[in-house]
C-alpha atoms as a PDB file:
ATOM      1  CA  MET A   1     103.094  80.030  88.331  1.00  0.00           C
ATOM      2  CA  ALA A   2     106.791  80.806  88.141  1.00  0.00           C
ATOM      3  CA  ALA A   3     108.976  79.216  90.816  1.00  0.00           C
ATOM      4  CA  GLU A   4     112.330  80.762  89.998  1.00  0.00           C
ATOM      5  CA  LEU A   5     112.792  81.848  93.622  1.00  0.00           C
ATOM      6  CA  GLU A   6     111.928  78.494  95.145  1.00  0.00           C
ATOM      7  CA  GLY A   7     113.988  78.077  98.309  1.00  0.00           C
ATOM      8  CA  VAL A   8     114.372  81.825  98.884  1.00  0.00           C
ATOM      9  CA  LYS A   9     113.024  82.867 102.282  1.00  0.00           C
ATOM     10  CA  VAL A  10     111.642  86.351 102.874  1.00  0.00           C
ATOM     11  CA  LEU A  11     110.940  88.017 106.214  1.00  0.00           C
ATOM     12  CA  ASP A  12     108.589  90.967 105.735  1.00  0.00           C
ATOM     13  CA  PHE A  13     108.150  93.564 108.494  1.00  0.00           C
ATOM     14  CA  SER A  14     106.315  96.032 106.237  1.00  0.00           C
ATOM     15  CA  ARG A  15     102.654  96.995 106.203  1.00  0.00           C
ATOM     16  CA  LEU A  16     100.021  98.714 104.070  1.00  0.00           C
ATOM     17  CA  LEU A  17     100.787  98.422 100.317  1.00  0.00           C
ATOM     18  CA  PRO A  18     104.355  98.941  99.002  1.00  0.00           C
ATOM     19  CA  GLY A  19     106.264  96.337 101.029  1.00  0.00           C
ATOM     20  CA  PRO A  20     103.526  93.689 101.112  1.00  0.00           C
ATOM     21  CA  LEU A  21     103.022  94.028  97.343  1.00  0.00           C
ATOM     22  CA  CYS A  22     106.746  93.534  96.791  1.00  0.00           C
ATOM     23  CA  SER A  23     106.791  90.416  98.966  1.00  0.00           C
ATOM     24  CA  ARG A  24     103.622  89.277  97.176  1.00  0.00           C
ATOM     25  CA  TYR A  25     105.539  89.346  93.900  1.00  0.00           C
ATOM     26  CA  LEU A  26     108.391  87.420  95.514  1.00  0.00           C
ATOM     27  CA  LEU A  27     105.863  84.866  96.758  1.00  0.00           C
ATOM     28  CA  ASP A  28     104.386  84.527  93.278  1.00  0.00           C
ATOM     29  CA  LEU A  29     107.898  83.899  91.968  1.00  0.00           C
ATOM     30  CA  GLY A  30     108.290  80.957  94.333  1.00  0.00           C
ATOM     31  CA  ALA A  31     109.761  82.489  97.487  1.00  0.00           C
ATOM     32  CA  GLU A  32     108.545  81.585 100.966  1.00  0.00           C
ATOM     33  CA  VAL A  33     107.298  84.718 102.739  1.00  0.00           C
ATOM     34  CA  THR A  34     106.797  85.197 106.469  1.00  0.00           C
ATOM     35  CA  LYS A  35     105.105  88.445 107.477  1.00  0.00           C
ATOM     36  CA  ILE A  36     105.713  89.841 110.952  1.00  0.00           C
ATOM     37  CA  GLU A  37     102.885  91.861 112.474  1.00  0.00           C
ATOM     38  CA  ALA A  38     102.449  93.511 115.849  1.00  0.00           C
ATOM     39  CA  PRO A  39     100.035  91.770 118.238  1.00  0.00           C
ATOM     40  CA  ILE A  40      96.459  93.100 118.369  1.00  0.00           C
ATOM     41  CA  VAL A  41      97.024  96.033 115.981  1.00  0.00           C
ATOM     42  CA  GLY A  42      98.744  94.053 113.248  1.00  0.00           C
ATOM     43  CA  ASP A  43      98.857  95.562 109.777  1.00  0.00           C
ATOM     44  CA  TYR A  44      96.241  98.320 109.846  1.00  0.00           C
ATOM     45  CA  ALA A  45      95.552  97.674 106.178  1.00  0.00           C
ATOM     46  CA  LYS A  46      93.337  94.877 107.522  1.00  0.00           C
ATOM     47  CA  ALA A  47      90.637  97.444 108.259  1.00  0.00           C
ATOM     48  CA  PHE A  48      90.525  99.063 104.799  1.00  0.00           C
ATOM     49  CA  PRO A  49      87.159  98.522 103.056  1.00  0.00           C
ATOM     50  CA  PRO A  50      85.717  96.611 101.354  1.00  0.00           C
ATOM     51  CA  LEU A  51      85.734  93.892 103.996  1.00  0.00           C
ATOM     52  CA  HIS A  52      85.052  90.165 103.872  1.00  0.00           C
ATOM     53  CA  GLN A  53      84.263  88.561 107.199  1.00  0.00           C
ATOM     54  CA  GLY A  54      85.750  91.564 108.966  1.00  0.00           C
ATOM     55  CA  LEU A  55      89.003  91.581 106.993  1.00  0.00           C
ATOM     56  CA  SER A  56      90.065  93.843 104.135  1.00  0.00           C
ATOM     57  CA  LYS A  57      89.838  92.171 100.736  1.00  0.00           C
ATOM     58  CA  SER A  58      92.907  94.050  99.503  1.00  0.00           C
ATOM     59  CA  TYR A  59      94.865  92.875 102.553  1.00  0.00           C
ATOM     60  CA  CYS A  60      93.851  89.304 101.770  1.00  0.00           C
ATOM     61  CA  ARG A  61      94.940  89.623  98.146  1.00  0.00           C
ATOM     62  CA  LEU A  62      98.328  91.013  99.147  1.00  0.00           C
ATOM     63  CA  ASN A  63      99.036  88.512 101.890  1.00  0.00           C
ATOM     64  CA  ASN A  64      97.274  85.291 100.978  1.00  0.00           C
ATOM     65  CA  GLY A  65      99.858  82.509 100.961  1.00  0.00           C
ATOM     66  CA  LYS A  66     102.207  84.241 103.382  1.00  0.00           C
ATOM     67  CA  LYS A  67     102.848  82.937 106.870  1.00  0.00           C
ATOM     68  CA  ILE A  68     101.642  85.606 109.317  1.00  0.00           C
ATOM     69  CA  LEU A  69     103.331  85.773 112.726  1.00  0.00           C
ATOM     70  CA  GLU A  70     102.308  88.150 115.484  1.00  0.00           C
ATOM     71  CA  LEU A  71     105.426  89.161 117.402  1.00  0.00           C
ATOM     72  CA  ASP A  72     106.176  92.058 119.726  1.00  0.00           C
ATOM     73  CA  LEU A  73     109.580  93.304 118.592  1.00  0.00           C
ATOM     74  CA  LYS A  74     110.084  95.036 121.942  1.00  0.00           C
ATOM     75  CA  ASP A  75     109.554  91.809 123.880  1.00  0.00           C
ATOM     76  CA  PRO A  76     112.878  90.005 124.601  1.00  0.00           C
ATOM     77  CA  ALA A  77     111.437  86.554 123.929  1.00  0.00           C
ATOM     78  CA  ASP A  78     109.851  87.598 120.644  1.00  0.00           C
ATOM     79  CA  TYR A  79     113.033  89.442 119.694  1.00  0.00           C
ATOM     80  CA  GLN A  80     114.982  86.197 120.026  1.00  0.00           C
ATOM     81  CA  LYS A  81     112.384  84.451 117.877  1.00  0.00           C
ATOM     82  CA  VAL A  82     112.922  87.094 115.207  1.00  0.00           C
ATOM     83  CA  LEU A  83     116.689  86.571 115.307  1.00  0.00           C
ATOM     84  CA  GLY A  84     116.081  82.865 114.842  1.00  0.00           C
ATOM     85  CA  LEU A  85     113.964  83.599 111.787  1.00  0.00           C
ATOM     86  CA  ILE A  86     116.582  85.961 110.356  1.00  0.00           C
ATOM     87  CA  ALA A  87     119.215  83.232 110.646  1.00  0.00           C
ATOM     88  CA  ASP A  88     117.268  81.308 108.003  1.00  0.00           C
ATOM     89  CA  THR A  89     116.268  84.346 105.928  1.00  0.00           C
ATOM     90  CA  ASP A  90     117.565  85.454 102.527  1.00  0.00           C
ATOM     91  CA  ILE A  91     115.629  88.727 102.209  1.00  0.00           C
ATOM     92  CA  LEU A  92     114.400  91.095 104.912  1.00  0.00           C
ATOM     93  CA  ILE A  93     111.957  93.879 104.005  1.00  0.00           C
ATOM     94  CA  GLU A  94     111.023  96.713 106.363  1.00  0.00           C
ATOM     95  CA  SER A  95     109.191  99.992 105.883  1.00  0.00           C
ATOM     96  CA  PHE A  96     109.615 101.828 109.179  1.00  0.00           C
ATOM     97  CA  ARG A  97     110.922 105.358 109.253  1.00  0.00           C
ATOM     98  CA  PRO A  98     114.739 105.613 109.556  1.00  0.00           C
ATOM     99  CA  GLY A  99     115.995 104.736 113.021  1.00  0.00           C
ATOM    100  CA  VAL A 100     113.109 102.530 114.157  1.00  0.00           C
ATOM    101  CA  MET A 101     114.777  99.217 113.310  1.00  0.00           C
ATOM    102  CA  GLN A 102     118.003 100.479 114.889  1.00  0.00           C
ATOM    103  CA  LYS A 103     116.195 101.096 118.173  1.00  0.00           C
ATOM    104  CA  LEU A 104     114.768  97.583 117.965  1.00  0.00           C
ATOM    105  CA  GLY A 105     118.222  96.104 117.396  1.00  0.00           C
ATOM    106  CA  LEU A 106     117.230  94.935 113.928  1.00  0.00           C
ATOM    107  CA  ASP A 107     118.918  97.389 111.563  1.00  0.00           C
ATOM    108  CA  TYR A 108     121.330  96.181 108.900  1.00  0.00           C
ATOM    109  CA  ARG A 109     124.487  97.326 110.680  1.00  0.00           C
ATOM    110  CA  GLN A 110     123.627  95.259 113.731  1.00  0.00           C
ATOM    111  CA  LEU A 111     122.689  92.201 111.704  1.00  0.00           C
ATOM    112  CA  LYS A 112     125.235  92.031 108.882  1.00  0.00           C
ATOM    113  CA  GLU A 113     128.136  90.685 110.958  1.00  0.00           C
ATOM    114  CA  LYS A 114     126.113  87.768 112.243  1.00  0.00           C
ATOM    115  CA  PHE A 115     124.169  87.264 109.011  1.00  0.00           C
ATOM    116  CA  PRO A 116     126.551  88.247 106.174  1.00  0.00           C
ATOM    117  CA  ARG A 117     124.385  86.717 103.420  1.00  0.00           C
ATOM    118  CA  LEU A 118     121.300  88.708 104.435  1.00  0.00           C
ATOM    119  CA  ILE A 119     119.801  91.023 101.811  1.00  0.00           C
ATOM    120  CA  TYR A 120     118.169  93.862 103.720  1.00  0.00           C
ATOM    121  CA  CYS A 121     115.683  96.209 102.025  1.00  0.00           C
ATOM    122  CA  SER A 122     114.389  99.411 103.604  1.00  0.00           C
ATOM    123  CA  LEU A 123     111.394 100.562 101.553  1.00  0.00           C
ATOM    124  CA  THR A 124     110.334 104.032 102.693  1.00  0.00           C
ATOM    125  CA  GLY A 125     108.805 107.214 101.349  1.00  0.00           C
ATOM    126  CA  TYR A 126     111.887 109.430 101.276  1.00  0.00           C
ATOM    127  CA  GLY A 127     114.812 107.094 101.848  1.00  0.00           C
ATOM    128  CA  GLN A 128     117.466 107.027 104.545  1.00  0.00           C
ATOM    129  CA  SER A 129     118.996 110.440 103.804  1.00  0.00           C
ATOM    130  CA  GLY A 130     117.921 114.015 103.112  1.00  0.00           C
ATOM    131  CA  PRO A 131     115.842 116.510 105.104  1.00  0.00           C
ATOM    132  CA  TYR A 132     112.591 114.587 104.535  1.00  0.00           C
ATOM    133  CA  ARG A 133     113.957 111.228 105.708  1.00  0.00           C
ATOM    134  CA  ASN A 134     111.953 111.246 108.960  1.00  0.00           C
ATOM    135  CA  GLU A 135     108.777 112.763 107.532  1.00  0.00           C
ATOM    136  CA  PRO A 136     105.599 110.693 107.169  1.00  0.00           C
ATOM    137  CA  GLY A 137     104.096 110.329 103.724  1.00  0.00           C
ATOM    138  CA  HIS A 138     101.838 108.413 101.375  1.00  0.00           C
ATOM    139  CA  ASP A 139     101.382 108.010  97.631  1.00  0.00           C
ATOM    140  CA  LEU A 140      99.761 111.416  97.139  1.00  0.00           C
ATOM    141  CA  ASN A 141     102.658 113.159  98.903  1.00  0.00           C
ATOM    142  CA  TYR A 142     105.283 111.499  96.702  1.00  0.00           C
ATOM    143  CA  LEU A 143     103.318 112.287  93.539  1.00  0.00           C
ATOM    144  CA  GLY A 144     103.038 115.906  94.606  1.00  0.00           C
ATOM    145  CA  LEU A 145     106.728 116.258  95.386  1.00  0.00           C
ATOM    146  CA  SER A 146     107.739 114.600  92.115  1.00  0.00           C
ATOM    147  CA  GLY A 147     105.799 117.116  90.020  1.00  0.00           C
ATOM    148  CA  VAL A 148     103.388 114.522  88.657  1.00  0.00           C
ATOM    149  CA  LEU A 149     100.322 116.361  89.949  1.00  0.00           C
ATOM    150  CA  ALA A 150     101.366 119.837  88.814  1.00  0.00           C
ATOM    151  CA  ASP A 151      99.545 119.824  85.471  1.00  0.00           C
ATOM    152  CA  GLN A 152      96.248 118.674  86.934  1.00  0.00           C
ATOM    153  CA  ASN A 153      93.792 121.458  87.638  1.00  0.00           C
ATOM    154  CA  PRO A 154      93.112 121.007  90.441  1.00  0.00           C
ATOM    155  CA  PRO A 155      95.702 118.426  91.564  1.00  0.00           C
ATOM    156  CA  ALA A 156      93.984 115.217  92.649  1.00  0.00           C
ATOM    157  CA  PRO A 157      94.901 111.666  93.692  1.00  0.00           C
ATOM    158  CA  PHE A 158      95.226 109.007  91.002  1.00  0.00           C
ATOM    159  CA  PRO A 159      92.923 105.973  91.383  1.00  0.00           C
ATOM    160  CA  LEU A 160      96.056 103.799  91.266  1.00  0.00           C
ATOM    161  CA  GLN A 161      98.885 104.300  93.755  1.00  0.00           C
ATOM    162  CA  VAL A 162     101.623 104.917  91.204  1.00  0.00           C
ATOM    163  CA  ALA A 163     104.340 105.996  93.640  1.00  0.00           C
ATOM    164  CA  ASP A 164     103.604 103.182  96.086  1.00  0.00           C
ATOM    165  CA  MET A 165     103.567 100.426  93.499  1.00  0.00           C
ATOM    166  CA  ALA A 166     105.706 101.439  90.524  1.00  0.00           C
ATOM    167  CA  GLY A 167     107.950 103.792  92.489  1.00  0.00           C
ATOM    168  CA  GLY A 168     108.194 101.513  95.504  1.00  0.00           C
ATOM    169  CA  SER A 169     107.135  97.873  95.139  1.00  0.00           C
ATOM    170  CA  LEU A 170     108.540  97.287  91.657  1.00  0.00           C
ATOM    171  CA  GLN A 171     111.730  99.262  92.317  1.00  0.00           C
ATOM    172  CA  ALA A 172     112.314  97.112  95.397  1.00  0.00           C
ATOM    173  CA  LEU A 173     111.537  93.933  93.479  1.00  0.00           C
ATOM    174  CA  ALA A 174     114.087  94.793  90.787  1.00  0.00           C
ATOM    175  CA  ALA A 175     116.708  95.675  93.390  1.00  0.00           C
ATOM    176  CA  LEU A 176     116.074  92.515  95.421  1.00  0.00           C
ATOM    177  CA  THR A 177     116.266  90.116  92.496  1.00  0.00           C
ATOM    178  CA  THR A 178     119.455  91.853  91.355  1.00  0.00           C
ATOM    179  CA  ALA A 179     120.837  91.532  94.881  1.00  0.00           C
ATOM    180  CA  LEU A 180     120.120  87.802  94.852  1.00  0.00           C
ATOM    181  CA  TYR A 181     122.108  87.476  91.622  1.00  0.00           C
ATOM    182  CA  ARG A 182     124.914  89.579  93.113  1.00  0.00           C
ATOM    183  CA  ARG A 183     125.008  87.365  96.186  1.00  0.00           C
ATOM    184  CA  GLU A 184     125.492  84.283  94.042  1.00  0.00           C
ATOM    185  CA  LYS A 185     128.623  85.896  92.604  1.00  0.00           C
ATOM    186  CA  LYS A 186     130.055  87.681  95.637  1.00  0.00           C
ATOM    187  CA  LYS A 187     128.713  85.370  98.376  1.00  0.00           C
ATOM    188  CA  VAL A 188     127.595  88.309 100.550  1.00  0.00           C
ATOM    189  CA  GLY A 189     124.348  90.145 101.122  1.00  0.00           C
ATOM    190  CA  CYS A 190     123.791  93.899 100.946  1.00  0.00           C
ATOM    191  CA  TYR A 191     121.650  96.795 102.094  1.00  0.00           C
ATOM    192  CA  LEU A 192     119.066  98.396  99.792  1.00  0.00           C
ATOM    193  CA  ASP A 193     117.714 101.902 100.402  1.00  0.00           C
ATOM    194  CA  ILE A 194     114.550 102.182  98.277  1.00  0.00           C
ATOM    195  CA  ALA A 195     112.496 105.386  98.363  1.00  0.00           C
ATOM    196  CA  MET A 196     109.134 105.848  96.682  1.00  0.00           C
ATOM    197  CA  LEU A 197     109.838 109.498  95.881  1.00  0.00           C
ATOM    198  CA  ASP A 198     113.070 108.434  94.159  1.00  0.00           C
ATOM    199  CA  GLY A 199     111.261 105.806  92.131  1.00  0.00           C
ATOM    200  CA  VAL A 200     108.359 107.910  90.918  1.00  0.00           C
ATOM    201  CA  LEU A 201     110.615 110.879  90.119  1.00  0.00           C
ATOM    202  CA  ASN A 202     112.837 108.626  88.016  1.00  0.00           C
ATOM    203  CA  MET A 203     109.801 107.516  86.032  1.00  0.00           C
ATOM    204  CA  THR A 204     108.934 111.112  85.127  1.00  0.00           C
ATOM    205  CA  GLN A 205     112.167 111.655  83.208  1.00  0.00           C
ATOM    206  CA  LEU A 206     110.567 110.861  79.850  1.00  0.00           C
ATOM    207  CA  LEU A 207     107.724 113.300  80.505  1.00  0.00           C
ATOM    208  CA  TYR A 208     109.712 116.414  81.286  1.00  0.00           C
ATOM    209  CA  GLU A 209     109.706 119.176  78.701  1.00  0.00           C
ATOM    210  CA  GLU A 210     111.948 122.135  79.342  1.00  0.00           C
ATOM    211  CA  ALA A 211     109.877 125.315  79.530  1.00  0.00           C
ATOM    212  CA  GLY A 212     112.604 127.925  79.212  1.00  0.00           C
ATOM    213  CA  PRO A 213     113.601 129.436  82.544  1.00  0.00           C
ATOM    214  CA  GLU A 214     110.404 128.150  84.141  1.00  0.00           C
ATOM    215  CA  THR A 215     110.180 124.997  86.184  1.00  0.00           C
ATOM    216  CA  PRO A 216     109.934 121.942  83.908  1.00  0.00           C
ATOM    217  CA  HIS A 217     106.401 120.638  83.752  1.00  0.00           C
ATOM    218  CA  LEU A 218     104.979 117.259  82.922  1.00  0.00           C
ATOM    219  CA  LYS A 219     103.753 117.421  79.367  1.00  0.00           C
ATOM    220  CA  ASN A 220     104.329 115.384  76.243  1.00  0.00           C
ATOM    221  CA  ILE A 221     102.513 114.193  73.151  1.00  0.00           C
ATOM    222  CA  LEU A 222     100.895 111.363  75.117  1.00  0.00           C
ATOM    223  CA  SER A 223      99.205 113.624  77.673  1.00  0.00           C
ATOM    224  CA  GLY A 224      95.837 113.533  75.900  1.00  0.00           C
ATOM    225  CA  ASP A 225      96.092 116.748  73.893  1.00  0.00           C
ATOM    226  CA  GLN A 226      96.642 114.973  70.576  1.00  0.00           C
ATOM    227  CA  PRO A 227      93.630 113.754  68.555  1.00  0.00           C
ATOM    228  CA  TRP A 228      95.247 110.397  67.846  1.00  0.00           C
ATOM    229  CA  TYR A 229      96.013 109.593  71.502  1.00  0.00           C
ATOM    230  CA  ARG A 230      93.043 110.212  73.765  1.00  0.00           C
ATOM    231  CA  CYS A 231      89.725 108.752  74.899  1.00  0.00           C
ATOM    232  CA  TYR A 232      86.419 109.422  73.168  1.00  0.00           C
ATOM    233  CA  GLN A 233      82.890 108.921  74.452  1.00  0.00           C
ATOM    234  CA  THR A 234      80.521 106.613  72.585  1.00  0.00           C
ATOM    235  CA  SER A 235      76.777 106.968  72.016  1.00  0.00           C
ATOM    236  CA  ASP A 236      75.996 104.847  75.098  1.00  0.00           C
ATOM    237  CA  LYS A 237      78.136 107.089  77.338  1.00  0.00           C
ATOM    238  CA  LYS A 238      80.995 104.617  77.447  1.00  0.00           C
ATOM    239  CA  TRP A 239      84.481 105.249  76.120  1.00  0.00           C
ATOM    240  CA  MET A 240      87.014 104.092  73.537  1.00  0.00           C
ATOM    241  CA  ALA A 241      90.777 104.584  73.872  1.00  0.00           C
ATOM    242  CA  LEU A 242      92.432 105.634  70.614  1.00  0.00           C
ATOM    243  CA  GLY A 243      96.200 105.058  70.762  1.00  0.00           C
ATOM    244  CA  THR A 244      97.356 105.446  67.170  1.00  0.00           C
ATOM    245  CA  ILE A 245     100.916 106.662  67.783  1.00  0.00           C
ATOM    246  CA  GLU A 246     102.280 105.092  64.600  1.00  0.00           C
ATOM    247  CA  LYS A 247     100.926 106.438  61.327  1.00  0.00           C
ATOM    248  CA  LYS A 248     100.155 102.952  60.013  1.00  0.00           C
ATOM    249  CA  PHE A 249      97.674 102.431  62.838  1.00  0.00           C
ATOM    250  CA  TRP A 250      96.184 105.884  62.306  1.00  0.00           C
ATOM    251  CA  ASP A 251      95.784 105.095  58.610  1.00  0.00           C
ATOM    252  CA  ASN A 252      94.102 101.795  59.479  1.00  0.00           C
ATOM    253  CA  PHE A 253      91.686 103.608  61.775  1.00  0.00           C
ATOM    254  CA  CYS A 254      90.872 106.181  59.096  1.00  0.00           C
ATOM    255  CA  THR A 255      90.288 103.430  56.538  1.00  0.00           C
ATOM    256  CA  VAL A 256      87.952 101.306  58.659  1.00  0.00           C
ATOM    257  CA  THR A 257      85.962 104.396  59.710  1.00  0.00           C
ATOM    258  CA  GLU A 258      85.871 105.728  56.136  1.00  0.00           C
ATOM    259  CA  GLN A 259      87.700 108.909  57.092  1.00  0.00           C
ATOM    260  CA  GLU A 260      90.338 108.788  54.372  1.00  0.00           C
ATOM    261  CA  GLU A 261      90.732 112.569  54.330  1.00  0.00           C
ATOM    262  CA  LEU A 262      92.038 112.476  57.908  1.00  0.00           C
ATOM    263  CA  LYS A 263      95.072 110.326  57.138  1.00  0.00           C
ATOM    264  CA  GLU A 264      97.220 113.366  56.396  1.00  0.00           C
ATOM    265  CA  LYS A 265      96.256 114.867  59.774  1.00  0.00           C
ATOM    266  CA  HIS A 266      98.344 112.452  61.831  1.00  0.00           C
ATOM    267  CA  PHE A 267     100.808 114.444  63.972  1.00  0.00           C
ATOM    268  CA  CYS A 268      98.970 117.583  62.928  1.00  0.00           C
ATOM    269  CA  LYS A 269     100.066 121.013  64.105  1.00  0.00           C
ATOM    270  CA  SER A 270      98.847 122.120  67.522  1.00  0.00           C
ATOM    271  CA  ALA A 271      96.571 124.735  65.974  1.00  0.00           C
ATOM    272  CA  GLU A 272      94.751 122.021  64.029  1.00  0.00           C
ATOM    273  CA  CYS A 273      94.253 119.673  66.979  1.00  0.00           C
ATOM    274  CA  PRO A 274      91.026 121.182  68.394  1.00  0.00           C
ATOM    275  CA  ASP A 275      89.200 120.875  65.064  1.00  0.00           C
ATOM    276  CA  LEU A 276      90.313 117.283  64.557  1.00  0.00           C
ATOM    277  CA  ILE A 277      89.408 116.370  68.125  1.00  0.00           C
ATOM    278  CA  ALA A 278      85.943 117.853  67.575  1.00  0.00           C
ATOM    279  CA  LYS A 279      85.495 115.721  64.440  1.00  0.00           C
ATOM    280  CA  LEU A 280      86.521 112.580  66.280  1.00  0.00           C
ATOM    281  CA  ILE A 281      84.210 113.386  69.184  1.00  0.00           C
ATOM    282  CA  LYS A 282      81.298 113.517  66.739  1.00  0.00           C
ATOM    283  CA  LEU A 283      82.502 110.354  65.013  1.00  0.00           C
ATOM    284  CA  PHE A 284      82.733 108.261  68.167  1.00  0.00           C
ATOM    285  CA  ALA A 285      79.376 109.570  69.406  1.00  0.00           C
ATOM    286  CA  GLN A 286      77.643 107.896  66.446  1.00  0.00           C
ATOM    287  CA  PHE A 287      78.000 104.337  67.743  1.00  0.00           C
ATOM    288  CA  SER A 288      77.921 102.406  70.999  1.00  0.00           C
ATOM    289  CA  GLN A 289      81.035 100.923  72.548  1.00  0.00           C
ATOM    290  CA  GLU A 290      79.985  97.443  71.465  1.00  0.00           C
ATOM    291  CA  GLN A 291      79.417  98.631  67.898  1.00  0.00           C
ATOM    292  CA  TRP A 292      82.843 100.245  67.841  1.00  0.00           C
ATOM    293  CA  CYS A 293      84.457  97.025  69.063  1.00  0.00           C
ATOM    294  CA  THR A 294      82.703  95.090  66.316  1.00  0.00           C
ATOM    295  CA  LEU A 295      83.681  97.613  63.638  1.00  0.00           C
ATOM    296  CA  LEU A 296      87.334  97.820  64.701  1.00  0.00           C
ATOM    297  CA  LYS A 297      87.924  94.126  65.370  1.00  0.00           C
ATOM    298  CA  GLY A 298      90.916  92.918  63.378  1.00  0.00           C
ATOM    299  CA  SER A 299      91.594  96.363  61.896  1.00  0.00           C
ATOM    300  CA  GLU A 300      94.908  96.878  63.723  1.00  0.00           C
ATOM    301  CA  SER A 301      93.986 100.419  64.631  1.00  0.00           C
ATOM    302  CA  CYS A 302      95.055 100.489  68.296  1.00  0.00           C
ATOM    303  CA  CYS A 303      91.575 101.398  69.467  1.00  0.00           C
ATOM    304  CA  THR A 304      90.177  99.531  72.455  1.00  0.00           C
ATOM    305  CA  PRO A 305      87.270  99.885  74.880  1.00  0.00           C
ATOM    306  CA  VAL A 306      87.670 101.518  78.281  1.00  0.00           C
ATOM    307  CA  LEU A 307      86.341  98.725  80.486  1.00  0.00           C
ATOM    308  CA  ASN A 308      84.599  98.837  83.829  1.00  0.00           C
ATOM    309  CA  TRP A 309      85.526  96.197  86.407  1.00  0.00           C
ATOM    310  CA  GLN A 310      82.754  93.804  85.417  1.00  0.00           C
ATOM    311  CA  GLN A 311      83.897  94.014  81.793  1.00  0.00           C
ATOM    312  CA  VAL A 312      87.502  93.477  82.866  1.00  0.00           C
ATOM    313  CA  ARG A 313      86.578  90.232  84.606  1.00  0.00           C
ATOM    314  CA  GLU A 314      84.758  89.013  81.492  1.00  0.00           C
ATOM    315  CA  ASN A 315      87.261  90.234  78.899  1.00  0.00           C
ATOM    316  CA  PRO A 316      88.426  87.278  76.758  1.00  0.00           C
ATOM    317  CA  GLN A 317      92.094  88.321  76.920  1.00  0.00           C
ATOM    318  CA  ILE A 318      91.996  88.546  80.721  1.00  0.00           C
ATOM    319  CA  VAL A 319      90.197  85.204  80.902  1.00  0.00           C
ATOM    320  CA  ALA A 320      92.563  83.496  78.449  1.00  0.00           C
ATOM    321  CA  ARG A 321      95.618  84.597  80.428  1.00  0.00           C
ATOM    322  CA  LYS A 322      93.945  83.541  83.703  1.00  0.00           C
ATOM    323  CA  LEU A 323      94.857  86.867  85.265  1.00  0.00           C
ATOM    324  CA  ILE A 324      91.987  86.858  87.761  1.00  0.00           C
ATOM    325  CA  ASP A 325      91.061  83.856  89.893  1.00  0.00           C
ATOM    326  CA  GLN A 326      87.333  84.382  90.344  1.00  0.00           C
ATOM    327  CA  GLU A 327      86.703  81.463  92.672  1.00  0.00           C
ATOM    328  CA  GLY A 328      85.522  82.299  96.174  1.00  0.00           C
ATOM    329  CA  ALA A 329      84.419  85.548  97.783  1.00  0.00           C
ATOM    330  CA  ILE A 330      87.762  87.278  97.244  1.00  0.00           C
ATOM    331  CA  HIS A 331      89.053  87.301  93.679  1.00  0.00           C
ATOM    332  CA  SER A 332      92.835  87.056  93.458  1.00  0.00           C
ATOM    333  CA  PHE A 333      94.913  88.687  90.737  1.00  0.00           C
ATOM    334  CA  ASN A 334      97.647  86.597  89.164  1.00  0.00           C
ATOM    335  CA  ILE A 335     100.851  87.634  87.440  1.00  0.00           C
ATOM    336  CA  ARG A 336     102.195  85.942  84.337  1.00  0.00           C
ATOM    337  CA  TRP A 337     105.912  85.555  84.889  1.00  0.00           C
ATOM    338  CA  ASP A 338     105.819  81.906  83.936  1.00  0.00           C
ATOM    339  CA  ARG A 339     108.898  80.537  82.247  1.00  0.00           C
ATOM    340  CA  GLU A 340     108.818  77.667  79.790  1.00  0.00           C
ATOM    341  CA  ASP A 341     111.957  76.280  78.215  1.00  0.00           C
ATOM    342  CA  ASN A 342     110.027  75.263  75.099  1.00  0.00           C
ATOM    343  CA  PRO A 343     106.800  77.292  75.035  1.00  0.00           C
ATOM    344  CA  ASP A 344     104.241  75.890  72.615  1.00  0.00           C
ATOM    345  CA  SER A 345     102.787  79.368  72.035  1.00  0.00           C
ATOM    346  CA  LEU A 346     105.951  80.483  70.245  1.00  0.00           C
ATOM    347  CA  ASP A 347     105.536  77.724  67.678  1.00  0.00           C
ATOM    348  CA  GLU A 348     102.046  78.790  66.697  1.00  0.00           C
END
């Protein structure tokens, strides 16, 4: 595991997913993370099913390896303990609504004079400014406000918390690592205002298509309307993902499936798409997912199986990269940010 942040100390006041996932990444990069939780209640993500020995498995995955301290921030003695921790802290992460840390005497303005090297990150739904700044929210709210859900009929939650993780956790991670680099040059810390709505809206910029005077809507050639970029069901009711954006991969797919006449249909006109999709639906329905994998192996056609979780755990690529630690009752998910000065794999 990478240890680029060895020696960096993180104090995490956040809860649920976005903040703890960010500090999880920092931990995986070598930082030492201490998580502050309220007595008794703690992080209420602990109660989210599925549970293992009364504790949420997802909570365990996010926080395993962190030092967990139960402190009452309103208690004078515990408050002094927190100040002592901050004195030895490089990064502070909090996810309360604006004003809460100020009332506790722990906002950046009150801390920066005494701790000038502190990097302070507020990771919230709407940020520290604007009319929504004090509103509560979760992933579904940020996706709705960003326009991401507009083209779904009806709008529905994604199975993956895109705004929380990509719009929040990863945005904060990028900002924090940049702030560490900045501190090395300028010798001072800084304040980071990270909002999940900001992050997810920024990610939609490549999806917007101007629709005349109407409100822009999320639609592009990768939305699943094109024959060469969508999922198709197999004979055993499983699925294959065809992602032949480049014509060379489309041609390879047509060759291996003996559909030479379809090569000229790549990037076909919209009016032709339904007919081609219908042909591909019939084609994929002829074989099972396993048969398709066997047929397409080595063909460089950008066509892969849609895996269920059991298949994911057994997938040879996942296993080879050691992305899931399957020891014990709670499987942990690893990240591959390892750095090698002279990686053997590049010489192969």
